[in-house]
C-alpha cells in the first residue's frame, strides 16, 4: 500500500519539470505544518495544499498548464471540482471508513511503516480527521459507515470515473501529448485505487473495467515514477538490508528509548486531563498525625479517665 507515487503534488512537479528534492518520511510531525505531503520552499515556507503548491511552482516558472487554451483551462477546473465532489468522498470512505479496508489495509500499513510509538495512535487520529472531512463534504455531522452510504458514494465515484474515461478517450493525456494539472489530479486520485490491495475492492474493479484510465495510470507510473513501478522487488530487498539500520544510526536505540518515555508521558498527561487518573492532596494535619496514632491516643485518654 505504498502511496508515494500516487501523490498529485509530486506528479504535478514532475509534469512541470520542477527540480524538487524528495525526502521520504512516514512521520507527519517531521513537517512544520504537521501534515504530509509538504513542500519546503527556498524562502523557508511550508506548503501542504496542492493548490498552494501549484501556485508557488507557477510563480517559479514551472507551469504544466502553460499550453492550455482558455476552454481547456475551464474544462480542467470543472473536472477537478467534479472529482472533489464525487470521487474524493468515495476515496476517504474506501481507505479510512470502510471497516475491513481500514483494519486490514490502511491501519496495517501504518503499523508497519510508521515508527514506534506513533504507529499506535497516529492511524486512529488520522481516521477521525478523515471522518470529519467526509462529514463536511457530505454536510452530515452524524454520518457513519453503512451499506446505504457506501452504495451512494460508490455510485457517485463510478459516475465520475466514467466521465473522466469519456473525456480521456484514446488520448495519452487529457489535453494532448503533455500532462497538465488535471492529469496530476486524476492520477493522484486513481493510482491508489488501482495499486492498493483492499478486501473491499469495488472501486478498483470498476476502474479496471475502464481500460483507458487504467492505461493512463500505468503509463504515468512507468514514465515518471519508474522506481515505484518495481515496488515489490525493492521492498523485499529493503526489508533485510545488510548490516541493519544500527550500522548507520548508532544512537537509534537511545532515540527509541526516548520515544517510549515521551509516549508514556503523553499518555499520562492525557489520562490526567481526561480525568481517568486523579491525584488527591492529603491535608497537612493528617500527615502530621496518622489515623492509627489518633485512635491509639483516644484510647489512652479513655483509660486515664476510668482510672
C-alpha atoms as a PDB file:
ATOM      1  CA  UNK A   1       0.000   0.000   0.000  1.00  0.00           C
ATOM      2  CA  UNK A   2       2.790   2.369  -0.885  1.00  0.00           C
ATOM      3  CA  UNK A   3       1.206   5.666  -1.946  1.00  0.00           C
ATOM      4  CA  UNK A   4       4.245   7.884  -2.513  1.00  0.00           C
ATOM      5  CA  UNK A   5       3.822   7.710  -6.283  1.00  0.00           C
ATOM      6  CA  UNK A   6       0.095   8.347  -6.011  1.00  0.00           C
ATOM      7  CA  UNK A   7       0.564  11.927  -4.980  1.00  0.00           C
ATOM      8  CA  UNK A   8      -0.800  14.723  -7.099  1.00  0.00           C
ATOM      9  CA  UNK A   9       1.772  17.137  -5.680  1.00  0.00           C
ATOM     10  CA  UNK A  10       4.728  15.047  -6.810  1.00  0.00           C
ATOM     11  CA  UNK A  11       3.070  14.255 -10.128  1.00  0.00           C
ATOM     12  CA  UNK A  12       2.493  17.934 -10.937  1.00  0.00           C
ATOM     13  CA  UNK A  13       6.081  18.782 -10.048  1.00  0.00           C
ATOM     14  CA  UNK A  14       7.281  16.021 -12.350  1.00  0.00           C
ATOM     15  CA  UNK A  15       4.993  17.183 -15.175  1.00  0.00           C
ATOM     16  CA  UNK A  16       6.179  20.796 -14.812  1.00  0.00           C
ATOM     17  CA  UNK A  17       9.863  19.817 -14.603  1.00  0.00           C
ATOM     18  CA  UNK A  18      10.352  21.365 -11.169  1.00  0.00           C
ATOM     19  CA  UNK A  19      13.688  20.335  -9.558  1.00  0.00           C
ATOM     20  CA  UNK A  20      12.439  19.003  -6.240  1.00  0.00           C
ATOM     21  CA  UNK A  21      14.429  17.150  -3.606  1.00  0.00           C
ATOM     22  CA  UNK A  22      12.260  14.395  -2.174  1.00  0.00           C
ATOM     23  CA  UNK A  23      12.542  13.485   1.496  1.00  0.00           C
ATOM     24  CA  UNK A  24      10.517  10.363   2.232  1.00  0.00           C
ATOM     25  CA  UNK A  25       9.120  10.117   5.747  1.00  0.00           C
ATOM     26  CA  UNK A  26       6.189   8.404   7.428  1.00  0.00           C
ATOM     27  CA  UNK A  27       6.127  10.844  10.349  1.00  0.00           C
ATOM     28  CA  UNK A  28       3.802  13.814   9.676  1.00  0.00           C
ATOM     29  CA  UNK A  29       5.265  15.671  12.665  1.00  0.00           C
ATOM     30  CA  UNK A  30       8.539  15.947  10.793  1.00  0.00           C
ATOM     31  CA  UNK A  31       6.753  18.528   8.658  1.00  0.00           C
ATOM     32  CA  UNK A  32       6.413  22.067  10.096  1.00  0.00           C
ATOM     33  CA  UNK A  33       2.762  22.029   9.048  1.00  0.00           C
ATOM     34  CA  UNK A  34       2.113  18.728  10.839  1.00  0.00           C
ATOM     35  CA  UNK A  35       0.787  17.100   7.668  1.00  0.00           C
ATOM     36  CA  UNK A  36       2.134  15.257   4.637  1.00  0.00           C
ATOM     37  CA  UNK A  37       2.926  15.786   1.861  1.00  0.00           C
ATOM     38  CA  UNK A  38       4.506  19.200   2.286  1.00  0.00           C
ATOM     39  CA  UNK A  39       6.708  21.439   0.179  1.00  0.00           C
ATOM     40  CA  UNK A  40       9.534  23.379   1.818  1.00  0.00           C
ATOM     41  CA  UNK A  41      10.380  26.385  -0.349  1.00  0.00           C
ATOM     42  CA  UNK A  42      13.685  28.254  -0.604  1.00  0.00           C
ATOM     43  CA  UNK A  43      12.023  31.018   1.399  1.00  0.00           C
ATOM     44  CA  UNK A  44      11.565  28.559   4.314  1.00  0.00           C
ATOM     45  CA  UNK A  45       7.814  28.484   3.737  1.00  0.00           C
ATOM     46  CA  UNK A  46       5.900  25.209   4.128  1.00  0.00           C
ATOM     47  CA  UNK A  47       3.012  24.440   1.756  1.00  0.00           C
ATOM     48  CA  UNK A  48       0.668  21.452   2.077  1.00  0.00           C
ATOM     49  CA  UNK A  49      -2.352  22.184  -0.115  1.00  0.00           C
ATOM     50  CA  UNK A  50      -1.997  21.179  -3.759  1.00  0.00           C
ATOM     51  CA  UNK A  51      -3.453  24.466  -4.980  1.00  0.00           C
ATOM     52  CA  UNK A  52      -0.864  26.431  -2.987  1.00  0.00           C
ATOM     53  CA  UNK A  53       1.965  24.242  -4.280  1.00  0.00           C
ATOM     54  CA  UNK A  54       0.826  24.672  -7.894  1.00  0.00           C
ATOM     55  CA  UNK A  55       0.602  28.466  -7.467  1.00  0.00           C
ATOM     56  CA  UNK A  56       4.096  28.550  -5.963  1.00  0.00           C
ATOM     57  CA  UNK A  57       5.583  26.438  -8.757  1.00  0.00           C
ATOM     58  CA  UNK A  58       3.916  28.598 -11.384  1.00  0.00           C
ATOM     59  CA  UNK A  59       5.485  31.680  -9.826  1.00  0.00           C
ATOM     60  CA  UNK A  60       8.827  29.910 -10.244  1.00  0.00           C
ATOM     61  CA  UNK A  61       8.045  29.415 -13.972  1.00  0.00           C
ATOM     62  CA  UNK A  62       7.154  25.727 -13.609  1.00  0.00           C
ATOM     63  CA  UNK A  63       3.706  25.563 -15.197  1.00  0.00           C
ATOM     64  CA  UNK A  64       2.262  22.324 -16.561  1.00  0.00           C
ATOM     65  CA  UNK A  65      -0.784  24.242 -17.870  1.00  0.00           C
ATOM     66  CA  UNK A  66       1.175  26.772 -19.914  1.00  0.00           C
ATOM     67  CA  UNK A  67      -0.042  25.475 -23.294  1.00  0.00           C
ATOM     68  CA  UNK A  68      -3.724  25.081 -22.346  1.00  0.00           C
ATOM     69  CA  UNK A  69      -6.322  27.225 -24.072  1.00  0.00           C
ATOM     70  CA  UNK A  70      -8.919  29.168 -22.093  1.00  0.00           C
ATOM     71  CA  UNK A  71     -11.523  26.479 -22.776  1.00  0.00           C
ATOM     72  CA  UNK A  72      -9.166  23.690 -21.736  1.00  0.00           C
ATOM     73  CA  UNK A  73      -8.352  25.588 -18.541  1.00  0.00           C
ATOM     74  CA  UNK A  74     -12.067  25.907 -17.768  1.00  0.00           C
ATOM     75  CA  UNK A  75     -12.630  22.220 -18.500  1.00  0.00           C
ATOM     76  CA  UNK A  76      -9.730  21.339 -16.202  1.00  0.00           C
ATOM     77  CA  UNK A  77     -11.235  23.300 -13.312  1.00  0.00           C
ATOM     78  CA  UNK A  78     -14.636  21.696 -13.921  1.00  0.00           C
ATOM     79  CA  UNK A  79     -13.264  18.151 -13.800  1.00  0.00           C
ATOM     80  CA  UNK A  80     -11.167  18.909 -10.708  1.00  0.00           C
ATOM     81  CA  UNK A  81     -14.292  20.216  -8.975  1.00  0.00           C
ATOM     82  CA  UNK A  82     -16.181  17.102 -10.064  1.00  0.00           C
ATOM     83  CA  UNK A  83     -13.522  14.852  -8.504  1.00  0.00           C
ATOM     84  CA  UNK A  84     -13.624  16.778  -5.251  1.00  0.00           C
ATOM     85  CA  UNK A  85     -17.387  16.347  -5.057  1.00  0.00           C
ATOM     86  CA  UNK A  86     -17.858  12.823  -6.428  1.00  0.00           C
ATOM     87  CA  UNK A  87     -14.598  10.892  -6.191  1.00  0.00           C
ATOM     88  CA  UNK A  88     -12.864  12.221  -3.081  1.00  0.00           C
ATOM     89  CA  UNK A  89     -15.664  11.172  -0.648  1.00  0.00           C
ATOM     90  CA  UNK A  90     -15.530   7.621  -2.008  1.00  0.00           C
ATOM     91  CA  UNK A  91     -11.752   7.536  -1.609  1.00  0.00           C
ATOM     92  CA  UNK A  92     -11.987   8.669   2.009  1.00  0.00           C
ATOM     93  CA  UNK A  93     -14.643   6.068   2.708  1.00  0.00           C
ATOM     94  CA  UNK A  94     -12.713   3.288   0.955  1.00  0.00           C
ATOM     95  CA  UNK A  95      -9.427   3.765   2.791  1.00  0.00           C
ATOM     96  CA  UNK A  96     -10.469   5.196   6.163  1.00  0.00           C
ATOM     97  CA  UNK A  97     -14.115   4.418   6.952  1.00  0.00           C
ATOM     98  CA  UNK A  98     -14.937   1.028   5.397  1.00  0.00           C
ATOM     99  CA  UNK A  99     -14.217  -1.299   8.360  1.00  0.00           C
ATOM    100  CA  UNK A 100     -12.393  -4.174   6.625  1.00  0.00           C
ATOM    101  CA  UNK A 101     -10.292  -1.914   4.425  1.00  0.00           C
ATOM    102  CA  UNK A 102      -9.258   0.253   7.354  1.00  0.00           C
ATOM    103  CA  UNK A 103      -8.347  -2.607   9.692  1.00  0.00           C
ATOM    104  CA  UNK A 104      -6.729  -4.977   7.190  1.00  0.00           C
ATOM    105  CA  UNK A 105      -5.099  -2.474   4.836  1.00  0.00           C
ATOM    106  CA  UNK A 106      -4.827   1.150   5.990  1.00  0.00           C
ATOM    107  CA  UNK A 107      -4.142   0.644   9.692  1.00  0.00           C
ATOM    108  CA  UNK A 108      -1.971  -2.373   8.957  1.00  0.00           C
ATOM    109  CA  UNK A 109       0.147  -0.331   6.518  1.00  0.00           C
ATOM    110  CA  UNK A 110       0.690   2.457   9.042  1.00  0.00           C
ATOM    111  CA  UNK A 111       1.509  -0.052  11.777  1.00  0.00           C
ATOM    112  CA  UNK A 112       4.330  -1.411   9.616  1.00  0.00           C
ATOM    113  CA  UNK A 113       5.678   1.836   8.153  1.00  0.00           C
ATOM    114  CA  UNK A 114       5.290   4.385  10.952  1.00  0.00           C
ATOM    115  CA  UNK A 115       7.878   4.292  13.713  1.00  0.00           C
ATOM    116  CA  UNK A 116       7.096   3.384  17.306  1.00  0.00           C
ATOM    117  CA  UNK A 117       5.232   4.785  19.241  1.00  0.00           C
ATOM    118  CA  UNK A 118       3.400   6.806  16.544  1.00  0.00           C
ATOM    119  CA  UNK A 119       2.080   3.646  14.918  1.00  0.00           C
ATOM    120  CA  UNK A 120      -0.139   3.037  17.969  1.00  0.00           C
ATOM    121  CA  UNK A 121      -2.231   6.198  17.862  1.00  0.00           C
ATOM    122  CA  UNK A 122      -1.498   8.002  14.559  1.00  0.00           C
ATOM    123  CA  UNK A 123      -3.829   5.838  12.382  1.00  0.00           C
ATOM    124  CA  UNK A 124      -6.745   6.380  14.779  1.00  0.00           C
ATOM    125  CA  UNK A 125      -6.108  10.103  14.845  1.00  0.00           C
ATOM    126  CA  UNK A 126      -5.977  10.251  11.050  1.00  0.00           C
ATOM    127  CA  UNK A 127      -9.149   8.185  10.759  1.00  0.00           C
ATOM    128  CA  UNK A 128     -11.023  10.688  12.942  1.00  0.00           C
ATOM    129  CA  UNK A 129      -9.718  13.536  10.790  1.00  0.00           C
ATOM    130  CA  UNK A 130     -10.829  11.818   7.596  1.00  0.00           C
ATOM    131  CA  UNK A 131     -14.258  11.049   9.041  1.00  0.00           C
ATOM    132  CA  UNK A 132     -14.727  14.731   9.902  1.00  0.00           C
ATOM    133  CA  UNK A 133     -13.635  15.651   6.385  1.00  0.00           C
ATOM    134  CA  UNK A 134     -16.155  13.222   4.887  1.00  0.00           C
ATOM    135  CA  UNK A 135     -18.917  14.593   7.114  1.00  0.00           C
ATOM    136  CA  UNK A 136     -18.032  18.095   5.968  1.00  0.00           C
ATOM    137  CA  UNK A 137     -18.083  17.092   2.299  1.00  0.00           C
ATOM    138  CA  UNK A 138     -21.411  15.340   2.734  1.00  0.00           C
ATOM    139  CA  UNK A 139     -22.800  18.061   5.035  1.00  0.00           C
ATOM    140  CA  UNK A 140     -23.846  15.433   7.589  1.00  0.00           C
ATOM    141  CA  UNK A 141     -22.432  15.716  11.123  1.00  0.00           C
ATOM    142  CA  UNK A 142     -23.756  12.278  12.159  1.00  0.00           C
ATOM    143  CA  UNK A 143     -22.506  10.339   9.127  1.00  0.00           C
ATOM    144  CA  UNK A 144     -21.239   6.819   9.861  1.00  0.00           C
ATOM    145  CA  UNK A 145     -20.221   3.761   7.839  1.00  0.00           C
ATOM    146  CA  UNK A 146     -23.127   1.836   6.376  1.00  0.00           C
ATOM    147  CA  UNK A 147     -24.363  -0.074   3.337  1.00  0.00           C
ATOM    148  CA  UNK A 148     -26.580   2.718   2.010  1.00  0.00           C
ATOM    149  CA  UNK A 149     -23.826   5.324   2.334  1.00  0.00           C
ATOM    150  CA  UNK A 150     -21.350   3.017   0.615  1.00  0.00           C
ATOM    151  CA  UNK A 151     -23.704   2.420  -2.323  1.00  0.00           C
ATOM    152  CA  UNK A 152     -24.296   6.143  -2.782  1.00  0.00           C
ATOM    153  CA  UNK A 153     -20.617   7.064  -2.574  1.00  0.00           C
ATOM    154  CA  UNK A 154     -19.517   4.310  -4.945  1.00  0.00           C
ATOM    155  CA  UNK A 155     -22.273   5.203  -7.403  1.00  0.00           C
ATOM    156  CA  UNK A 156     -21.077   8.824  -7.498  1.00  0.00           C
ATOM    157  CA  UNK A 157     -17.446   7.710  -7.852  1.00  0.00           C
ATOM    158  CA  UNK A 158     -18.276   5.341 -10.711  1.00  0.00           C
ATOM    159  CA  UNK A 159     -20.150   8.131 -12.494  1.00  0.00           C
ATOM    160  CA  UNK A 160     -17.141  10.431 -12.080  1.00  0.00           C
ATOM    161  CA  UNK A 161     -14.714   7.801 -13.409  1.00  0.00           C
ATOM    162  CA  UNK A 162     -16.985   7.178 -16.403  1.00  0.00           C
ATOM    163  CA  UNK A 163     -16.954  10.893 -17.281  1.00  0.00           C
ATOM    164  CA  UNK A 164     -13.180  11.026 -16.932  1.00  0.00           C
ATOM    165  CA  UNK A 165     -12.868   7.974 -19.184  1.00  0.00           C
ATOM    166  CA  UNK A 166     -15.064   9.595 -21.826  1.00  0.00           C
ATOM    167  CA  UNK A 167     -13.021  12.809 -21.699  1.00  0.00           C
ATOM    168  CA  UNK A 168      -9.693  10.979 -21.957  1.00  0.00           C
ATOM    169  CA  UNK A 169     -10.811   8.803 -24.856  1.00  0.00           C
ATOM    170  CA  UNK A 170      -7.861   7.331 -26.729  1.00  0.00           C
ATOM    171  CA  UNK A 171      -5.505  10.188 -25.854  1.00  0.00           C
ATOM    172  CA  UNK A 172      -2.368   9.718 -23.814  1.00  0.00           C
ATOM    173  CA  UNK A 173      -3.211  12.684 -21.570  1.00  0.00           C
ATOM    174  CA  UNK A 174      -6.343  14.755 -21.109  1.00  0.00           C
ATOM    175  CA  UNK A 175      -5.182  17.696 -23.235  1.00  0.00           C
ATOM    176  CA  UNK A 176      -2.892  16.302 -25.874  1.00  0.00           C
ATOM    177  CA  UNK A 177       0.588  14.842 -25.646  1.00  0.00           C
ATOM    178  CA  UNK A 178       1.721  16.676 -22.497  1.00  0.00           C
ATOM    179  CA  UNK A 179       0.369  16.178 -18.945  1.00  0.00           C
ATOM    180  CA  UNK A 180      -1.324  19.060 -17.131  1.00  0.00           C
ATOM    181  CA  UNK A 181      -2.614  19.789 -13.629  1.00  0.00           C
ATOM    182  CA  UNK A 182      -5.760  17.794 -14.446  1.00  0.00           C
ATOM    183  CA  UNK A 183      -3.617  14.758 -15.230  1.00  0.00           C
ATOM    184  CA  UNK A 184      -1.891  15.195 -11.868  1.00  0.00           C
ATOM    185  CA  UNK A 185      -5.231  15.381 -10.048  1.00  0.00           C
ATOM    186  CA  UNK A 186      -6.656  12.352 -11.847  1.00  0.00           C
ATOM    187  CA  UNK A 187      -3.513  10.306 -11.300  1.00  0.00           C
ATOM    188  CA  UNK A 188      -3.366  11.273  -7.613  1.00  0.00           C
ATOM    189  CA  UNK A 189      -6.950  10.095  -7.117  1.00  0.00           C
ATOM    190  CA  UNK A 190      -6.950   6.940  -9.237  1.00  0.00           C
ATOM    191  CA  UNK A 191      -3.497   5.417  -8.671  1.00  0.00           C
ATOM    192  CA  UNK A 192      -4.209   4.465  -5.018  1.00  0.00           C
ATOM    193  CA  UNK A 193      -7.403   2.718  -6.116  1.00  0.00           C
ATOM    194  CA  UNK A 194      -5.585   0.859  -8.849  1.00  0.00           C
ATOM    195  CA  UNK A 195      -2.468  -0.231  -6.945  1.00  0.00           C
ATOM    196  CA  UNK A 196      -3.629  -0.946  -3.385  1.00  0.00           C
ATOM    197  CA  UNK A 197      -4.802  -4.395  -2.342  1.00  0.00           C
ATOM    198  CA  UNK A 198      -8.068  -3.955  -0.440  1.00  0.00           C
ATOM    199  CA  UNK A 199     -10.549  -6.527   0.925  1.00  0.00           C
ATOM    200  CA  UNK A 200     -13.403  -4.391  -0.424  1.00  0.00           C
ATOM    201  CA  UNK A 201     -12.203  -3.592  -3.949  1.00  0.00           C
ATOM    202  CA  UNK A 202     -15.424  -2.418  -5.606  1.00  0.00           C
ATOM    203  CA  UNK A 203     -13.911   0.861  -6.790  1.00  0.00           C
ATOM    204  CA  UNK A 204     -10.853  -0.945  -8.111  1.00  0.00           C
ATOM    205  CA  UNK A 205     -12.999  -3.387 -10.063  1.00  0.00           C
ATOM    206  CA  UNK A 206     -14.861  -0.549 -11.744  1.00  0.00           C
ATOM    207  CA  UNK A 207     -11.632   1.322 -12.524  1.00  0.00           C
ATOM    208  CA  UNK A 208     -10.090  -1.772 -14.097  1.00  0.00           C
ATOM    209  CA  UNK A 209     -13.128  -2.053 -16.361  1.00  0.00           C
ATOM    210  CA  UNK A 210     -12.160   1.361 -17.831  1.00  0.00           C
ATOM    211  CA  UNK A 211      -9.135   0.346 -19.877  1.00  0.00           C
ATOM    212  CA  UNK A 212      -8.046   3.829 -20.884  1.00  0.00           C
ATOM    213  CA  UNK A 213      -7.942   5.115 -17.288  1.00  0.00           C
ATOM    214  CA  UNK A 214      -6.054   2.006 -16.184  1.00  0.00           C
ATOM    215  CA  UNK A 215      -3.544   2.511 -19.001  1.00  0.00           C
ATOM    216  CA  UNK A 216      -3.323   6.216 -18.110  1.00  0.00           C
ATOM    217  CA  UNK A 217      -2.220   5.438 -14.525  1.00  0.00           C
ATOM    218  CA  UNK A 218       0.155   2.664 -15.587  1.00  0.00           C
ATOM    219  CA  UNK A 219       1.831   4.833 -18.227  1.00  0.00           C
ATOM    220  CA  UNK A 220       2.428   7.682 -15.761  1.00  0.00           C
ATOM    221  CA  UNK A 221       3.946   5.244 -13.283  1.00  0.00           C
ATOM    222  CA  UNK A 222       6.342   3.924 -15.912  1.00  0.00           C
ATOM    223  CA  UNK A 223       7.208   7.332 -17.379  1.00  0.00           C
ATOM    224  CA  UNK A 224       7.538   9.469 -14.253  1.00  0.00           C
ATOM    225  CA  UNK A 225       7.860   7.014 -11.343  1.00  0.00           C
ATOM    226  CA  UNK A 226       9.807   4.022 -12.735  1.00  0.00           C
ATOM    227  CA  UNK A 227      11.228   3.029  -9.352  1.00  0.00           C
ATOM    228  CA  UNK A 228       7.742   2.766  -7.865  1.00  0.00           C
ATOM    229  CA  UNK A 229       6.700   0.538 -10.738  1.00  0.00           C
ATOM    230  CA  UNK A 230       9.004  -2.123  -9.283  1.00  0.00           C
ATOM    231  CA  UNK A 231       7.997  -1.599  -5.672  1.00  0.00           C
ATOM    232  CA  UNK A 232       7.564  -5.279  -4.826  1.00  0.00           C
ATOM    233  CA  UNK A 233      11.147  -6.211  -5.617  1.00  0.00           C
ATOM    234  CA  UNK A 234      12.596  -3.147  -3.911  1.00  0.00           C
ATOM    235  CA  UNK A 235      10.535  -3.691  -0.759  1.00  0.00           C
ATOM    236  CA  UNK A 236      11.763  -7.272  -0.458  1.00  0.00           C
ATOM    237  CA  UNK A 237      15.356  -6.134  -0.896  1.00  0.00           C
ATOM    238  CA  UNK A 238      14.983  -3.323   1.615  1.00  0.00           C
ATOM    239  CA  UNK A 239      13.239  -5.490   4.194  1.00  0.00           C
ATOM    240  CA  UNK A 240      16.531  -7.044   5.380  1.00  0.00           C
ATOM    241  CA  UNK A 241      19.440  -4.802   4.375  1.00  0.00           C
ATOM    242  CA  UNK A 242      22.950  -5.986   5.085  1.00  0.00           C
ATOM    243  CA  UNK A 243      24.316  -4.721   8.362  1.00  0.00           C
ATOM    244  CA  UNK A 244      20.960  -3.353   9.536  1.00  0.00           C
ATOM    245  CA  UNK A 245      19.895   0.165  10.397  1.00  0.00           C
ATOM    246  CA  UNK A 246      22.034   0.326  13.531  1.00  0.00           C
ATOM    247  CA  UNK A 247      25.184   0.417  11.412  1.00  0.00           C
ATOM    248  CA  UNK A 248      24.071   3.757  10.040  1.00  0.00           C
ATOM    249  CA  UNK A 249      22.295   5.193  13.104  1.00  0.00           C
ATOM    250  CA  UNK A 250      24.404   4.412  16.197  1.00  0.00           C
ATOM    251  CA  UNK A 251      22.064   6.276  18.540  1.00  0.00           C
ATOM    252  CA  UNK A 252      18.889   4.623  17.285  1.00  0.00           C
ATOM    253  CA  UNK A 253      18.330   2.574  20.467  1.00  0.00           C
ATOM    254  CA  UNK A 254      18.674   5.695  22.598  1.00  0.00           C
ATOM    255  CA  UNK A 255      16.197   7.550  20.341  1.00  0.00           C
ATOM    256  CA  UNK A 256      13.728   4.698  20.634  1.00  0.00           C
ATOM    257  CA  UNK A 257      14.100   4.734  24.418  1.00  0.00           C
ATOM    258  CA  UNK A 258      13.437   8.480  24.488  1.00  0.00           C
ATOM    259  CA  UNK A 259      10.421   7.976  22.215  1.00  0.00           C
ATOM    260  CA  UNK A 260       8.996   5.453  24.666  1.00  0.00           C
ATOM    261  CA  UNK A 261       9.432   7.903  27.535  1.00  0.00           C
ATOM    262  CA  UNK A 262       7.784  10.667  25.546  1.00  0.00           C
ATOM    263  CA  UNK A 263       4.885   8.368  24.660  1.00  0.00           C
ATOM    264  CA  UNK A 264       4.403   7.358  28.297  1.00  0.00           C
ATOM    265  CA  UNK A 265       4.474  10.993  29.319  1.00  0.00           C
ATOM    266  CA  UNK A 266       1.909  11.871  26.673  1.00  0.00           C
ATOM    267  CA  UNK A 267      -0.396   9.033  27.758  1.00  0.00           C
ATOM    268  CA  UNK A 268      -0.110  10.039  31.417  1.00  0.00           C
ATOM    269  CA  UNK A 269      -0.865  13.657  30.560  1.00  0.00           C
ATOM    270  CA  UNK A 270      -3.891  12.570  28.544  1.00  0.00           C
ATOM    271  CA  UNK A 271      -5.128  10.426  31.429  1.00  0.00           C
ATOM    272  CA  UNK A 272      -4.798  13.324  33.860  1.00  0.00           C
ATOM    273  CA  UNK A 273      -6.517  15.794  31.555  1.00  0.00           C
ATOM    274  CA  UNK A 274      -9.456  13.486  30.843  1.00  0.00           C
ATOM    275  CA  UNK A 275      -9.927  12.521  34.496  1.00  0.00           C
ATOM    276  CA  UNK A 276      -9.014   8.882  34.006  1.00  0.00           C
ATOM    277  CA  UNK A 277      -6.383   9.345  36.696  1.00  0.00           C
ATOM    278  CA  UNK A 278      -6.624  11.828  39.543  1.00  0.00           C
ATOM    279  CA  UNK A 279      -4.209  12.923  42.250  1.00  0.00           C
ATOM    280  CA  UNK A 280      -5.691  13.666  45.666  1.00  0.00           C
ATOM    281  CA  UNK A 281      -3.959  16.117  48.002  1.00  0.00           C
ATOM    282  CA  UNK A 282      -3.799  14.980  51.626  1.00  0.00           C
ATOM    283  CA  UNK A 283      -4.179  17.674  54.282  1.00  0.00           C
ATOM    284  CA  UNK A 284      -1.089  18.597  56.296  1.00  0.00           C
ATOM    285  CA  UNK A 285      -2.794  17.858  59.638  1.00  0.00           C
ATOM    286  CA  UNK A 286      -3.458  14.294  58.590  1.00  0.00           C
ATOM    287  CA  UNK A 287       0.167  13.852  57.600  1.00  0.00           C
ATOM    288  CA  UNK A 288       1.406  15.108  60.948  1.00  0.00           C
ATOM    289  CA  UNK A 289      -0.729  12.652  62.916  1.00  0.00           C
ATOM    290  CA  UNK A 290      -1.638   9.396  61.140  1.00  0.00           C
ATOM    291  CA  UNK A 291      -5.145   7.985  61.759  1.00  0.00           C
ATOM    292  CA  UNK A 292      -3.840   4.946  63.638  1.00  0.00           C
ATOM    293  CA  UNK A 293      -1.946   7.121  66.129  1.00  0.00           C
ATOM    294  CA  UNK A 294      -5.031   9.305  66.651  1.00  0.00           C
ATOM    295  CA  UNK A 295      -7.073   6.219  67.548  1.00  0.00           C
ATOM    296  CA  UNK A 296      -4.427   4.997  69.994  1.00  0.00           C
ATOM    297  CA  UNK A 297      -4.253   8.380  71.645  1.00  0.00           C
ATOM    298  CA  UNK A 298      -8.025   8.499  72.129  1.00  0.00           C
ATOM    299  CA  UNK A 299      -7.989   5.046  73.775  1.00  0.00           C
ATOM    300  CA  UNK A 300      -5.251   6.153  76.161  1.00  0.00           C
ATOM    301  CA  UNK A 301      -7.306   9.176  77.200  1.00  0.00           C
ATOM    302  CA  UNK A 302     -10.349   6.978  77.925  1.00  0.00           C
ATOM    303  CA  UNK A 303      -8.273   4.643  80.128  1.00  0.00           C
ATOM    304  CA  UNK A 304      -6.897   7.635  82.104  1.00  0.00           C
ATOM    305  CA  UNK A 305     -10.419   8.878  82.784  1.00  0.00           C
ATOM    306  CA  UNK A 306     -11.523   5.452  84.046  1.00  0.00           C
ATOM    307  CA  UNK A 307      -8.593   5.311  86.471  1.00  0.00           C
END
